């Protein structure tokens, strides 16, 4: 049998490889959709766990769950709903979250256990802060936060997908510059609230039970039946990216950007110490050391 021309053989190989890649992608998507998420209308934790998410039977004190986009707000909302059985609200509506069982999307009143907000990026946006007495302030390492929000924004709002490399090439520099201007002022602004409970994303990952117990104590006025174990037994949700597909954070930030982010971390650390002088809220460990970049620079220049 005569062999196919080289161009046709290449086309055939490319077609086969493309089909294989598509099949693998479909399997990954199917698996990710089935794993790690229990509908708010289901529970396997125990008979004492809520079987459905509902609105509060009576209005409670308004508590805001504030965080810069990309800080893990959706995951914490999921955990709060799991352990309380009550809906979390939001200052806007995300169709994807609504379809996944967050019935409080765009509900901004005291019938929800907390109300999510990403508003008030700048020190001049004071209205929401000054009208809020209680806030759970969720902080995450800005190096991870900005990447997470970039991925969400440049995948059309997808909470678990990754942006294409071409998006980073075209948009990362401007996105970084615009976002970093807002990150530290956002949190420093919210620290002016009378009643603030600071939650670090790293602490949630490291000791989830202790952190959820703190949140329970902050939220419960004595009328709630909060069961932290209900959140612990199914604690992932389906809005966390698989980090095995993402290079190390250092890959995305250049030497100058690292200096800017580290400075923002230092500024916020000072504000945290001023607001909570008797608490050890340490975010200085988030900074990236310059040694990695100096080594890379010297290696590439032959120094």
C-alpha atoms as a PDB file:
ATOM      1  CA  UNK A   1       0.000   0.000   0.000  1.00  0.00           C
ATOM      2  CA  UNK A   2       1.346   3.369  -0.999  1.00  0.00           C
ATOM      3  CA  UNK A   3       2.134   5.696   1.847  1.00  0.00           C
ATOM      4  CA  UNK A   4       0.135   8.872   2.255  1.00  0.00           C
ATOM      5  CA  UNK A   5       1.849  12.137   1.333  1.00  0.00           C
ATOM      6  CA  UNK A   6       3.727  13.793   4.178  1.00  0.00           C
ATOM      7  CA  UNK A   7       1.224  16.669   4.517  1.00  0.00           C
ATOM      8  CA  UNK A   8      -1.732  14.256   4.754  1.00  0.00           C
ATOM      9  CA  UNK A   9       0.088  12.097   7.309  1.00  0.00           C
ATOM     10  CA  UNK A  10       0.730  15.169   9.440  1.00  0.00           C
ATOM     11  CA  UNK A  11      -2.924  16.181   9.178  1.00  0.00           C
ATOM     12  CA  UNK A  12      -4.040  12.715  10.211  1.00  0.00           C
ATOM     13  CA  UNK A  13      -1.699  12.702  13.216  1.00  0.00           C
ATOM     14  CA  UNK A  14      -2.878  16.165  14.256  1.00  0.00           C
ATOM     15  CA  UNK A  15      -6.509  15.047  13.969  1.00  0.00           C
ATOM     16  CA  UNK A  16      -5.877  11.996  16.154  1.00  0.00           C
ATOM     17  CA  UNK A  17      -3.990  14.022  18.758  1.00  0.00           C
ATOM     18  CA  UNK A  18      -6.729  16.648  18.764  1.00  0.00           C
ATOM     19  CA  UNK A  19      -9.422  14.032  19.340  1.00  0.00           C
ATOM     20  CA  UNK A  20      -7.406  12.470  22.176  1.00  0.00           C
ATOM     21  CA  UNK A  21      -6.943  15.875  23.834  1.00  0.00           C
ATOM     22  CA  UNK A  22     -10.664  16.588  23.528  1.00  0.00           C
ATOM     23  CA  UNK A  23     -11.548  13.249  25.117  1.00  0.00           C
ATOM     24  CA  UNK A  24      -9.140  13.857  28.021  1.00  0.00           C
ATOM     25  CA  UNK A  25     -10.556  17.356  28.545  1.00  0.00           C
ATOM     26  CA  UNK A  26     -14.137  16.045  28.583  1.00  0.00           C
ATOM     27  CA  UNK A  27     -13.183  13.386  31.153  1.00  0.00           C
ATOM     28  CA  UNK A  28     -11.534  16.045  33.369  1.00  0.00           C
ATOM     29  CA  UNK A  29     -14.545  18.328  33.147  1.00  0.00           C
ATOM     30  CA  UNK A  30     -16.949  15.479  33.887  1.00  0.00           C
ATOM     31  CA  UNK A  31     -14.866  14.369  36.859  1.00  0.00           C
ATOM     32  CA  UNK A  32     -14.527  17.888  38.282  1.00  0.00           C
ATOM     33  CA  UNK A  33     -18.275  18.423  38.017  1.00  0.00           C
ATOM     34  CA  UNK A  34     -18.995  15.251  39.954  1.00  0.00           C
ATOM     35  CA  UNK A  35     -16.357  15.607  42.665  1.00  0.00           C
ATOM     36  CA  UNK A  36     -16.189  17.880  45.652  1.00  0.00           C
ATOM     37  CA  UNK A  37     -19.667  19.414  45.652  1.00  0.00           C
ATOM     38  CA  UNK A  38     -22.849  18.454  47.428  1.00  0.00           C
ATOM     39  CA  UNK A  39     -26.001  20.285  46.452  1.00  0.00           C
ATOM     40  CA  UNK A  40     -27.482  22.513  49.136  1.00  0.00           C
ATOM     41  CA  UNK A  41     -30.511  20.223  48.966  1.00  0.00           C
ATOM     42  CA  UNK A  42     -28.500  17.144  49.918  1.00  0.00           C
ATOM     43  CA  UNK A  43     -26.414  16.138  52.904  1.00  0.00           C
ATOM     44  CA  UNK A  44     -24.552  13.023  53.931  1.00  0.00           C
ATOM     45  CA  UNK A  45     -22.822  14.450  57.009  1.00  0.00           C
ATOM     46  CA  UNK A  46     -25.303  13.384  59.702  1.00  0.00           C
ATOM     47  CA  UNK A  47     -28.945  13.510  60.669  1.00  0.00           C
ATOM     48  CA  UNK A  48     -28.305  16.728  62.589  1.00  0.00           C
ATOM     49  CA  UNK A  49     -27.102  18.619  59.539  1.00  0.00           C
ATOM     50  CA  UNK A  50     -29.500  20.849  57.597  1.00  0.00           C
ATOM     51  CA  UNK A  51     -31.089  19.143  54.625  1.00  0.00           C
ATOM     52  CA  UNK A  52     -31.649  22.363  52.665  1.00  0.00           C
ATOM     53  CA  UNK A  53     -30.432  25.935  52.614  1.00  0.00           C
ATOM     54  CA  UNK A  54     -33.074  28.432  53.674  1.00  0.00           C
ATOM     55  CA  UNK A  55     -33.438  32.066  54.606  1.00  0.00           C
ATOM     56  CA  UNK A  56     -33.408  33.142  58.249  1.00  0.00           C
ATOM     57  CA  UNK A  57     -36.650  32.705  60.156  1.00  0.00           C
ATOM     58  CA  UNK A  58     -36.217  36.191  61.613  1.00  0.00           C
ATOM     59  CA  UNK A  59     -33.950  39.089  60.675  1.00  0.00           C
ATOM     60  CA  UNK A  60     -30.556  39.200  62.402  1.00  0.00           C
ATOM     61  CA  UNK A  61     -27.795  41.761  62.616  1.00  0.00           C
ATOM     62  CA  UNK A  62     -26.419  42.477  59.161  1.00  0.00           C
ATOM     63  CA  UNK A  63     -22.986  40.904  58.762  1.00  0.00           C
ATOM     64  CA  UNK A  64     -20.929  41.588  55.653  1.00  0.00           C
ATOM     65  CA  UNK A  65     -18.493  39.044  54.229  1.00  0.00           C
ATOM     66  CA  UNK A  66     -15.977  41.292  52.508  1.00  0.00           C
ATOM     67  CA  UNK A  67     -12.994  40.289  50.415  1.00  0.00           C
ATOM     68  CA  UNK A  68     -11.087  41.379  47.358  1.00  0.00           C
ATOM     69  CA  UNK A  69     -12.110  39.263  44.324  1.00  0.00           C
ATOM     70  CA  UNK A  70     -10.118  36.042  44.147  1.00  0.00           C
ATOM     71  CA  UNK A  71      -9.729  35.635  47.913  1.00  0.00           C
ATOM     72  CA  UNK A  72     -11.875  32.513  48.375  1.00  0.00           C
ATOM     73  CA  UNK A  73     -15.156  34.249  49.214  1.00  0.00           C
ATOM     74  CA  UNK A  74     -17.304  31.656  47.435  1.00  0.00           C
ATOM     75  CA  UNK A  75     -15.626  28.768  49.261  1.00  0.00           C
ATOM     76  CA  UNK A  76     -16.185  30.452  52.645  1.00  0.00           C
ATOM     77  CA  UNK A  77     -19.818  31.162  51.763  1.00  0.00           C
ATOM     78  CA  UNK A  78     -20.255  27.500  50.948  1.00  0.00           C
ATOM     79  CA  UNK A  79     -18.762  26.482  54.319  1.00  0.00           C
ATOM     80  CA  UNK A  80     -20.948  28.943  56.243  1.00  0.00           C
ATOM     81  CA  UNK A  81     -24.059  27.625  54.511  1.00  0.00           C
ATOM     82  CA  UNK A  82     -23.035  24.041  55.248  1.00  0.00           C
ATOM     83  CA  UNK A  83     -22.581  24.633  58.970  1.00  0.00           C
ATOM     84  CA  UNK A  84     -25.589  26.922  59.521  1.00  0.00           C
ATOM     85  CA  UNK A  85     -28.134  25.787  56.941  1.00  0.00           C
ATOM     86  CA  UNK A  86     -28.875  29.429  56.129  1.00  0.00           C
ATOM     87  CA  UNK A  87     -28.395  31.241  52.844  1.00  0.00           C
ATOM     88  CA  UNK A  88     -25.595  33.722  52.305  1.00  0.00           C
ATOM     89  CA  UNK A  89     -26.484  36.866  50.393  1.00  0.00           C
ATOM     90  CA  UNK A  90     -24.602  38.847  47.791  1.00  0.00           C
ATOM     91  CA  UNK A  91     -24.593  42.423  46.565  1.00  0.00           C
ATOM     92  CA  UNK A  92     -24.985  41.164  43.000  1.00  0.00           C
ATOM     93  CA  UNK A  93     -26.133  38.010  41.253  1.00  0.00           C
ATOM     94  CA  UNK A  94     -23.779  35.419  39.785  1.00  0.00           C
ATOM     95  CA  UNK A  95     -25.802  33.081  37.565  1.00  0.00           C
ATOM     96  CA  UNK A  96     -23.270  30.268  37.928  1.00  0.00           C
ATOM     97  CA  UNK A  97     -23.479  30.402  41.725  1.00  0.00           C
ATOM     98  CA  UNK A  98     -27.273  30.651  41.671  1.00  0.00           C
ATOM     99  CA  UNK A  99     -27.501  27.522  39.528  1.00  0.00           C
ATOM    100  CA  UNK A 100     -25.209  25.672  41.952  1.00  0.00           C
ATOM    101  CA  UNK A 101     -27.488  26.274  44.928  1.00  0.00           C
ATOM    102  CA  UNK A 102     -26.582  29.698  46.319  1.00  0.00           C
ATOM    103  CA  UNK A 103     -30.185  30.851  46.669  1.00  0.00           C
ATOM    104  CA  UNK A 104     -29.170  34.152  48.266  1.00  0.00           C
ATOM    105  CA  UNK A 105     -27.598  35.628  45.148  1.00  0.00           C
ATOM    106  CA  UNK A 106     -28.602  39.310  44.939  1.00  0.00           C
ATOM    107  CA  UNK A 107     -30.311  39.186  48.338  1.00  0.00           C
ATOM    108  CA  UNK A 108     -28.838  42.005  50.397  1.00  0.00           C
ATOM    109  CA  UNK A 109     -30.821  42.096  53.616  1.00  0.00           C
ATOM    110  CA  UNK A 110     -30.927  40.600  57.104  1.00  0.00           C
ATOM    111  CA  UNK A 111     -32.657  37.382  55.994  1.00  0.00           C
ATOM    112  CA  UNK A 112     -29.239  35.973  55.040  1.00  0.00           C
ATOM    113  CA  UNK A 113     -26.557  34.877  57.492  1.00  0.00           C
ATOM    114  CA  UNK A 114     -23.913  37.064  55.780  1.00  0.00           C
ATOM    115  CA  UNK A 115     -23.883  39.260  52.685  1.00  0.00           C
ATOM    116  CA  UNK A 116     -20.944  38.944  50.297  1.00  0.00           C
ATOM    117  CA  UNK A 117     -19.371  42.081  48.891  1.00  0.00           C
ATOM    118  CA  UNK A 118     -16.329  42.971  46.836  1.00  0.00           C
ATOM    119  CA  UNK A 119     -17.234  46.662  46.799  1.00  0.00           C
ATOM    120  CA  UNK A 120     -15.256  49.629  48.082  1.00  0.00           C
ATOM    121  CA  UNK A 121     -11.870  49.141  46.515  1.00  0.00           C
ATOM    122  CA  UNK A 122     -10.623  52.668  47.235  1.00  0.00           C
ATOM    123  CA  UNK A 123     -10.385  54.848  50.344  1.00  0.00           C
ATOM    124  CA  UNK A 124     -12.850  57.311  48.767  1.00  0.00           C
ATOM    125  CA  UNK A 125     -15.618  54.677  48.578  1.00  0.00           C
ATOM    126  CA  UNK A 126     -16.745  54.954  52.186  1.00  0.00           C
ATOM    127  CA  UNK A 127     -20.535  54.631  52.079  1.00  0.00           C
ATOM    128  CA  UNK A 128     -20.817  50.856  52.558  1.00  0.00           C
ATOM    129  CA  UNK A 129     -18.096  50.742  55.196  1.00  0.00           C
ATOM    130  CA  UNK A 130     -19.562  53.513  57.301  1.00  0.00           C
ATOM    131  CA  UNK A 131     -23.044  51.965  57.193  1.00  0.00           C
ATOM    132  CA  UNK A 132     -21.747  48.522  58.219  1.00  0.00           C
ATOM    133  CA  UNK A 133     -21.125  47.625  61.851  1.00  0.00           C
ATOM    134  CA  UNK A 134     -20.053  43.996  61.467  1.00  0.00           C
ATOM    135  CA  UNK A 135     -17.776  42.459  58.875  1.00  0.00           C
ATOM    136  CA  UNK A 136     -15.940  39.195  58.336  1.00  0.00           C
ATOM    137  CA  UNK A 137     -12.862  40.273  56.409  1.00  0.00           C
ATOM    138  CA  UNK A 138     -11.348  37.473  54.338  1.00  0.00           C
ATOM    139  CA  UNK A 139      -7.703  38.010  53.361  1.00  0.00           C
ATOM    140  CA  UNK A 140      -5.624  35.935  50.997  1.00  0.00           C
ATOM    141  CA  UNK A 141      -2.056  36.259  49.807  1.00  0.00           C
ATOM    142  CA  UNK A 142      -2.271  38.910  47.047  1.00  0.00           C
ATOM    143  CA  UNK A 143       0.048  36.905  44.797  1.00  0.00           C
ATOM    144  CA  UNK A 144      -2.591  34.157  44.713  1.00  0.00           C
ATOM    145  CA  UNK A 145      -5.531  36.562  44.856  1.00  0.00           C
ATOM    146  CA  UNK A 146      -4.609  38.500  41.727  1.00  0.00           C
ATOM    147  CA  UNK A 147      -3.943  35.314  39.763  1.00  0.00           C
ATOM    148  CA  UNK A 148      -7.277  33.820  40.817  1.00  0.00           C
ATOM    149  CA  UNK A 149      -9.190  36.930  39.811  1.00  0.00           C
ATOM    150  CA  UNK A 150      -7.300  37.168  36.507  1.00  0.00           C
ATOM    151  CA  UNK A 151      -8.279  33.585  35.704  1.00  0.00           C
ATOM    152  CA  UNK A 152     -11.916  34.214  36.600  1.00  0.00           C
ATOM    153  CA  UNK A 153     -12.153  37.479  34.679  1.00  0.00           C
ATOM    154  CA  UNK A 154     -10.466  36.228  31.501  1.00  0.00           C
ATOM    155  CA  UNK A 155     -12.491  33.019  31.361  1.00  0.00           C
ATOM    156  CA  UNK A 156     -15.799  34.866  31.320  1.00  0.00           C
ATOM    157  CA  UNK A 157     -16.501  34.505  35.038  1.00  0.00           C
ATOM    158  CA  UNK A 158     -15.656  30.806  35.375  1.00  0.00           C
ATOM    159  CA  UNK A 159     -14.711  30.066  38.993  1.00  0.00           C
ATOM    160  CA  UNK A 160     -12.524  27.020  38.300  1.00  0.00           C
ATOM    161  CA  UNK A 161     -11.021  27.515  34.819  1.00  0.00           C
ATOM    162  CA  UNK A 162      -7.620  28.897  33.889  1.00  0.00           C
ATOM    163  CA  UNK A 163      -7.023  31.711  31.416  1.00  0.00           C
ATOM    164  CA  UNK A 164      -5.103  30.976  28.226  1.00  0.00           C
ATOM    165  CA  UNK A 165      -1.438  31.910  28.021  1.00  0.00           C
ATOM    166  CA  UNK A 166      -2.344  34.427  25.316  1.00  0.00           C
ATOM    167  CA  UNK A 167      -4.518  36.288  27.844  1.00  0.00           C
ATOM    168  CA  UNK A 168      -1.544  36.648  30.178  1.00  0.00           C
ATOM    169  CA  UNK A 169       0.642  37.894  27.346  1.00  0.00           C
ATOM    170  CA  UNK A 170      -1.906  40.512  26.253  1.00  0.00           C
ATOM    171  CA  UNK A 171      -3.522  41.629  29.502  1.00  0.00           C
ATOM    172  CA  UNK A 172      -1.504  40.694  32.596  1.00  0.00           C
ATOM    173  CA  UNK A 173       0.616  43.860  32.946  1.00  0.00           C
ATOM    174  CA  UNK A 174      -2.327  46.271  32.890  1.00  0.00           C
ATOM    175  CA  UNK A 175      -4.488  43.970  35.020  1.00  0.00           C
ATOM    176  CA  UNK A 176      -1.733  43.726  37.620  1.00  0.00           C
ATOM    177  CA  UNK A 177      -1.160  47.479  37.738  1.00  0.00           C
ATOM    178  CA  UNK A 178      -4.873  48.279  38.083  1.00  0.00           C
ATOM    179  CA  UNK A 179      -5.550  45.546  40.647  1.00  0.00           C
ATOM    180  CA  UNK A 180      -2.634  46.163  42.975  1.00  0.00           C
ATOM    181  CA  UNK A 181      -3.676  49.815  43.369  1.00  0.00           C
ATOM    182  CA  UNK A 182      -6.933  48.554  44.912  1.00  0.00           C
ATOM    183  CA  UNK A 183      -5.916  45.531  46.986  1.00  0.00           C
ATOM    184  CA  UNK A 184      -4.336  47.129  50.077  1.00  0.00           C
ATOM    185  CA  UNK A 185      -6.670  50.195  50.242  1.00  0.00           C
ATOM    186  CA  UNK A 186      -9.640  47.835  50.041  1.00  0.00           C
ATOM    187  CA  UNK A 187      -8.700  46.064  53.269  1.00  0.00           C
ATOM    188  CA  UNK A 188      -7.407  49.133  55.081  1.00  0.00           C
ATOM    189  CA  UNK A 189     -10.757  50.762  54.346  1.00  0.00           C
ATOM    190  CA  UNK A 190     -12.789  47.893  55.817  1.00  0.00           C
ATOM    191  CA  UNK A 191     -10.619  47.807  58.941  1.00  0.00           C
ATOM    192  CA  UNK A 192     -12.382  51.004  60.009  1.00  0.00           C
ATOM    193  CA  UNK A 193     -15.585  49.098  60.814  1.00  0.00           C
ATOM    194  CA  UNK A 194     -16.495  48.873  64.516  1.00  0.00           C
ATOM    195  CA  UNK A 195     -16.697  45.071  64.636  1.00  0.00           C
ATOM    196  CA  UNK A 196     -14.235  43.208  62.413  1.00  0.00           C
ATOM    197  CA  UNK A 197     -13.345  39.526  62.346  1.00  0.00           C
ATOM    198  CA  UNK A 198     -10.265  38.903  60.197  1.00  0.00           C
ATOM    199  CA  UNK A 199      -9.994  35.473  58.577  1.00  0.00           C
ATOM    200  CA  UNK A 200      -6.888  34.432  56.653  1.00  0.00           C
ATOM    201  CA  UNK A 201      -7.350  32.065  53.732  1.00  0.00           C
ATOM    202  CA  UNK A 202      -4.146  30.232  54.724  1.00  0.00           C
ATOM    203  CA  UNK A 203      -5.579  29.587  58.191  1.00  0.00           C
ATOM    204  CA  UNK A 204      -8.757  28.161  56.687  1.00  0.00           C
ATOM    205  CA  UNK A 205      -6.671  25.691  54.718  1.00  0.00           C
ATOM    206  CA  UNK A 206      -4.419  24.885  57.667  1.00  0.00           C
ATOM    207  CA  UNK A 207      -6.939  24.511  60.501  1.00  0.00           C
ATOM    208  CA  UNK A 208     -10.446  24.638  59.113  1.00  0.00           C
ATOM    209  CA  UNK A 209     -12.226  23.536  62.295  1.00  0.00           C
ATOM    210  CA  UNK A 210     -10.674  26.255  64.448  1.00  0.00           C
ATOM    211  CA  UNK A 211     -11.395  28.979  61.906  1.00  0.00           C
ATOM    212  CA  UNK A 212     -15.004  27.908  61.350  1.00  0.00           C
ATOM    213  CA  UNK A 213     -15.489  27.792  65.114  1.00  0.00           C
ATOM    214  CA  UNK A 214     -14.290  31.401  65.303  1.00  0.00           C
ATOM    215  CA  UNK A 215     -16.728  32.389  62.573  1.00  0.00           C
ATOM    216  CA  UNK A 216     -19.532  30.508  64.339  1.00  0.00           C
ATOM    217  CA  UNK A 217     -18.883  32.416  67.562  1.00  0.00           C
ATOM    218  CA  UNK A 218     -18.824  35.716  65.673  1.00  0.00           C
ATOM    219  CA  UNK A 219     -22.116  35.043  63.874  1.00  0.00           C
ATOM    220  CA  UNK A 220     -24.182  33.275  66.516  1.00  0.00           C
ATOM    221  CA  UNK A 221     -26.229  35.502  68.813  1.00  0.00           C
ATOM    222  CA  UNK A 222     -27.449  32.479  70.757  1.00  0.00           C
ATOM    223  CA  UNK A 223     -30.386  31.671  68.498  1.00  0.00           C
ATOM    224  CA  UNK A 224     -28.572  29.630  65.843  1.00  0.00           C
ATOM    225  CA  UNK A 225     -27.854  25.926  65.828  1.00  0.00           C
ATOM    226  CA  UNK A 226     -24.508  25.856  64.099  1.00  0.00           C
ATOM    227  CA  UNK A 227     -22.782  22.528  63.487  1.00  0.00           C
ATOM    228  CA  UNK A 228     -19.205  22.991  62.290  1.00  0.00           C
ATOM    229  CA  UNK A 229     -18.912  19.254  61.579  1.00  0.00           C
ATOM    230  CA  UNK A 230     -21.474  19.610  58.785  1.00  0.00           C
ATOM    231  CA  UNK A 231     -19.005  21.801  56.912  1.00  0.00           C
ATOM    232  CA  UNK A 232     -15.974  19.687  57.768  1.00  0.00           C
ATOM    233  CA  UNK A 233     -17.398  16.474  56.302  1.00  0.00           C
ATOM    234  CA  UNK A 234     -17.806  17.980  52.856  1.00  0.00           C
ATOM    235  CA  UNK A 235     -15.519  20.963  52.899  1.00  0.00           C
ATOM    236  CA  UNK A 236     -14.314  21.433  49.324  1.00  0.00           C
ATOM    237  CA  UNK A 237     -17.248  22.660  47.281  1.00  0.00           C
ATOM    238  CA  UNK A 238     -16.724  22.838  43.531  1.00  0.00           C
ATOM    239  CA  UNK A 239     -15.345  26.340  43.148  1.00  0.00           C
ATOM    240  CA  UNK A 240     -11.655  25.705  43.826  1.00  0.00           C
ATOM    241  CA  UNK A 241      -9.150  25.456  40.998  1.00  0.00           C
ATOM    242  CA  UNK A 242      -6.955  22.410  40.606  1.00  0.00           C
ATOM    243  CA  UNK A 243      -3.560  23.939  41.370  1.00  0.00           C
ATOM    244  CA  UNK A 244      -1.722  20.972  39.856  1.00  0.00           C
ATOM    245  CA  UNK A 245      -2.272  22.589  36.437  1.00  0.00           C
ATOM    246  CA  UNK A 246      -0.765  25.946  37.439  1.00  0.00           C
ATOM    247  CA  UNK A 247       2.961  26.784  37.580  1.00  0.00           C
ATOM    248  CA  UNK A 248       4.457  28.161  40.787  1.00  0.00           C
ATOM    249  CA  UNK A 249       3.321  31.695  41.636  1.00  0.00           C
ATOM    250  CA  UNK A 250       6.843  33.045  41.036  1.00  0.00           C
ATOM    251  CA  UNK A 251       6.420  32.220  37.356  1.00  0.00           C
ATOM    252  CA  UNK A 252       3.910  35.031  36.830  1.00  0.00           C
ATOM    253  CA  UNK A 253       5.527  37.966  38.660  1.00  0.00           C
ATOM    254  CA  UNK A 254       8.631  39.795  37.548  1.00  0.00           C
ATOM    255  CA  UNK A 255      11.187  41.465  39.799  1.00  0.00           C
ATOM    256  CA  UNK A 256       9.488  44.892  39.795  1.00  0.00           C
ATOM    257  CA  UNK A 257       6.026  43.460  40.444  1.00  0.00           C
ATOM    258  CA  UNK A 258       7.321  41.492  43.412  1.00  0.00           C
ATOM    259  CA  UNK A 259       8.677  44.692  44.938  1.00  0.00           C
ATOM    260  CA  UNK A 260       5.284  46.389  44.525  1.00  0.00           C
ATOM    261  CA  UNK A 261       3.303  43.504  46.019  1.00  0.00           C
ATOM    262  CA  UNK A 262       5.687  43.134  48.954  1.00  0.00           C
ATOM    263  CA  UNK A 263       5.304  46.857  49.695  1.00  0.00           C
ATOM    264  CA  UNK A 264       1.493  46.544  49.682  1.00  0.00           C
ATOM    265  CA  UNK A 265       1.728  43.606  52.101  1.00  0.00           C
ATOM    266  CA  UNK A 266       3.933  45.656  54.440  1.00  0.00           C
ATOM    267  CA  UNK A 267       1.478  48.556  54.393  1.00  0.00           C
ATOM    268  CA  UNK A 268      -1.486  46.332  55.217  1.00  0.00           C
ATOM    269  CA  UNK A 269       0.511  44.552  57.918  1.00  0.00           C
ATOM    270  CA  UNK A 270       1.084  47.922  59.605  1.00  0.00           C
ATOM    271  CA  UNK A 271      -2.641  48.723  59.429  1.00  0.00           C
ATOM    272  CA  UNK A 272      -3.537  45.334  60.914  1.00  0.00           C
ATOM    273  CA  UNK A 273      -1.160  45.864  63.825  1.00  0.00           C
ATOM    274  CA  UNK A 274      -2.640  49.319  64.426  1.00  0.00           C
ATOM    275  CA  UNK A 275      -6.226  47.967  64.338  1.00  0.00           C
ATOM    276  CA  UNK A 276      -5.500  44.832  66.384  1.00  0.00           C
ATOM    277  CA  UNK A 277      -2.468  45.596  68.581  1.00  0.00           C
ATOM    278  CA  UNK A 278      -3.101  42.590  70.833  1.00  0.00           C
ATOM    279  CA  UNK A 279      -3.652  40.022  68.083  1.00  0.00           C
ATOM    280  CA  UNK A 280      -0.936  38.285  66.125  1.00  0.00           C
ATOM    281  CA  UNK A 281      -2.247  38.660  62.580  1.00  0.00           C
ATOM    282  CA  UNK A 282       0.860  38.067  60.523  1.00  0.00           C
ATOM    283  CA  UNK A 283       0.783  38.416  56.756  1.00  0.00           C
ATOM    284  CA  UNK A 284       4.467  39.279  56.279  1.00  0.00           C
ATOM    285  CA  UNK A 285       5.181  35.651  55.391  1.00  0.00           C
ATOM    286  CA  UNK A 286       3.223  36.198  52.177  1.00  0.00           C
ATOM    287  CA  UNK A 287       6.063  38.218  50.695  1.00  0.00           C
ATOM    288  CA  UNK A 288       8.206  36.598  48.009  1.00  0.00           C
ATOM    289  CA  UNK A 289      11.931  36.735  48.639  1.00  0.00           C
ATOM    290  CA  UNK A 290      14.006  38.404  45.968  1.00  0.00           C
ATOM    291  CA  UNK A 291      16.657  35.672  45.994  1.00  0.00           C
ATOM    292  CA  UNK A 292      14.700  33.620  43.463  1.00  0.00           C
ATOM    293  CA  UNK A 293      14.694  36.500  40.984  1.00  0.00           C
ATOM    294  CA  UNK A 294      18.289  37.525  41.593  1.00  0.00           C
ATOM    295  CA  UNK A 295      19.405  33.964  40.933  1.00  0.00           C
ATOM    296  CA  UNK A 296      17.391  33.791  37.735  1.00  0.00           C
ATOM    297  CA  UNK A 297      18.706  37.161  36.561  1.00  0.00           C
ATOM    298  CA  UNK A 298      22.320  36.224  37.200  1.00  0.00           C
ATOM    299  CA  UNK A 299      21.932  32.852  35.482  1.00  0.00           C
ATOM    300  CA  UNK A 300      20.401  34.397  32.383  1.00  0.00           C
ATOM    301  CA  UNK A 301      23.019  37.150  32.155  1.00  0.00           C
ATOM    302  CA  UNK A 302      25.971  34.910  32.858  1.00  0.00           C
ATOM    303  CA  UNK A 303      26.967  36.923  35.927  1.00  0.00           C
END
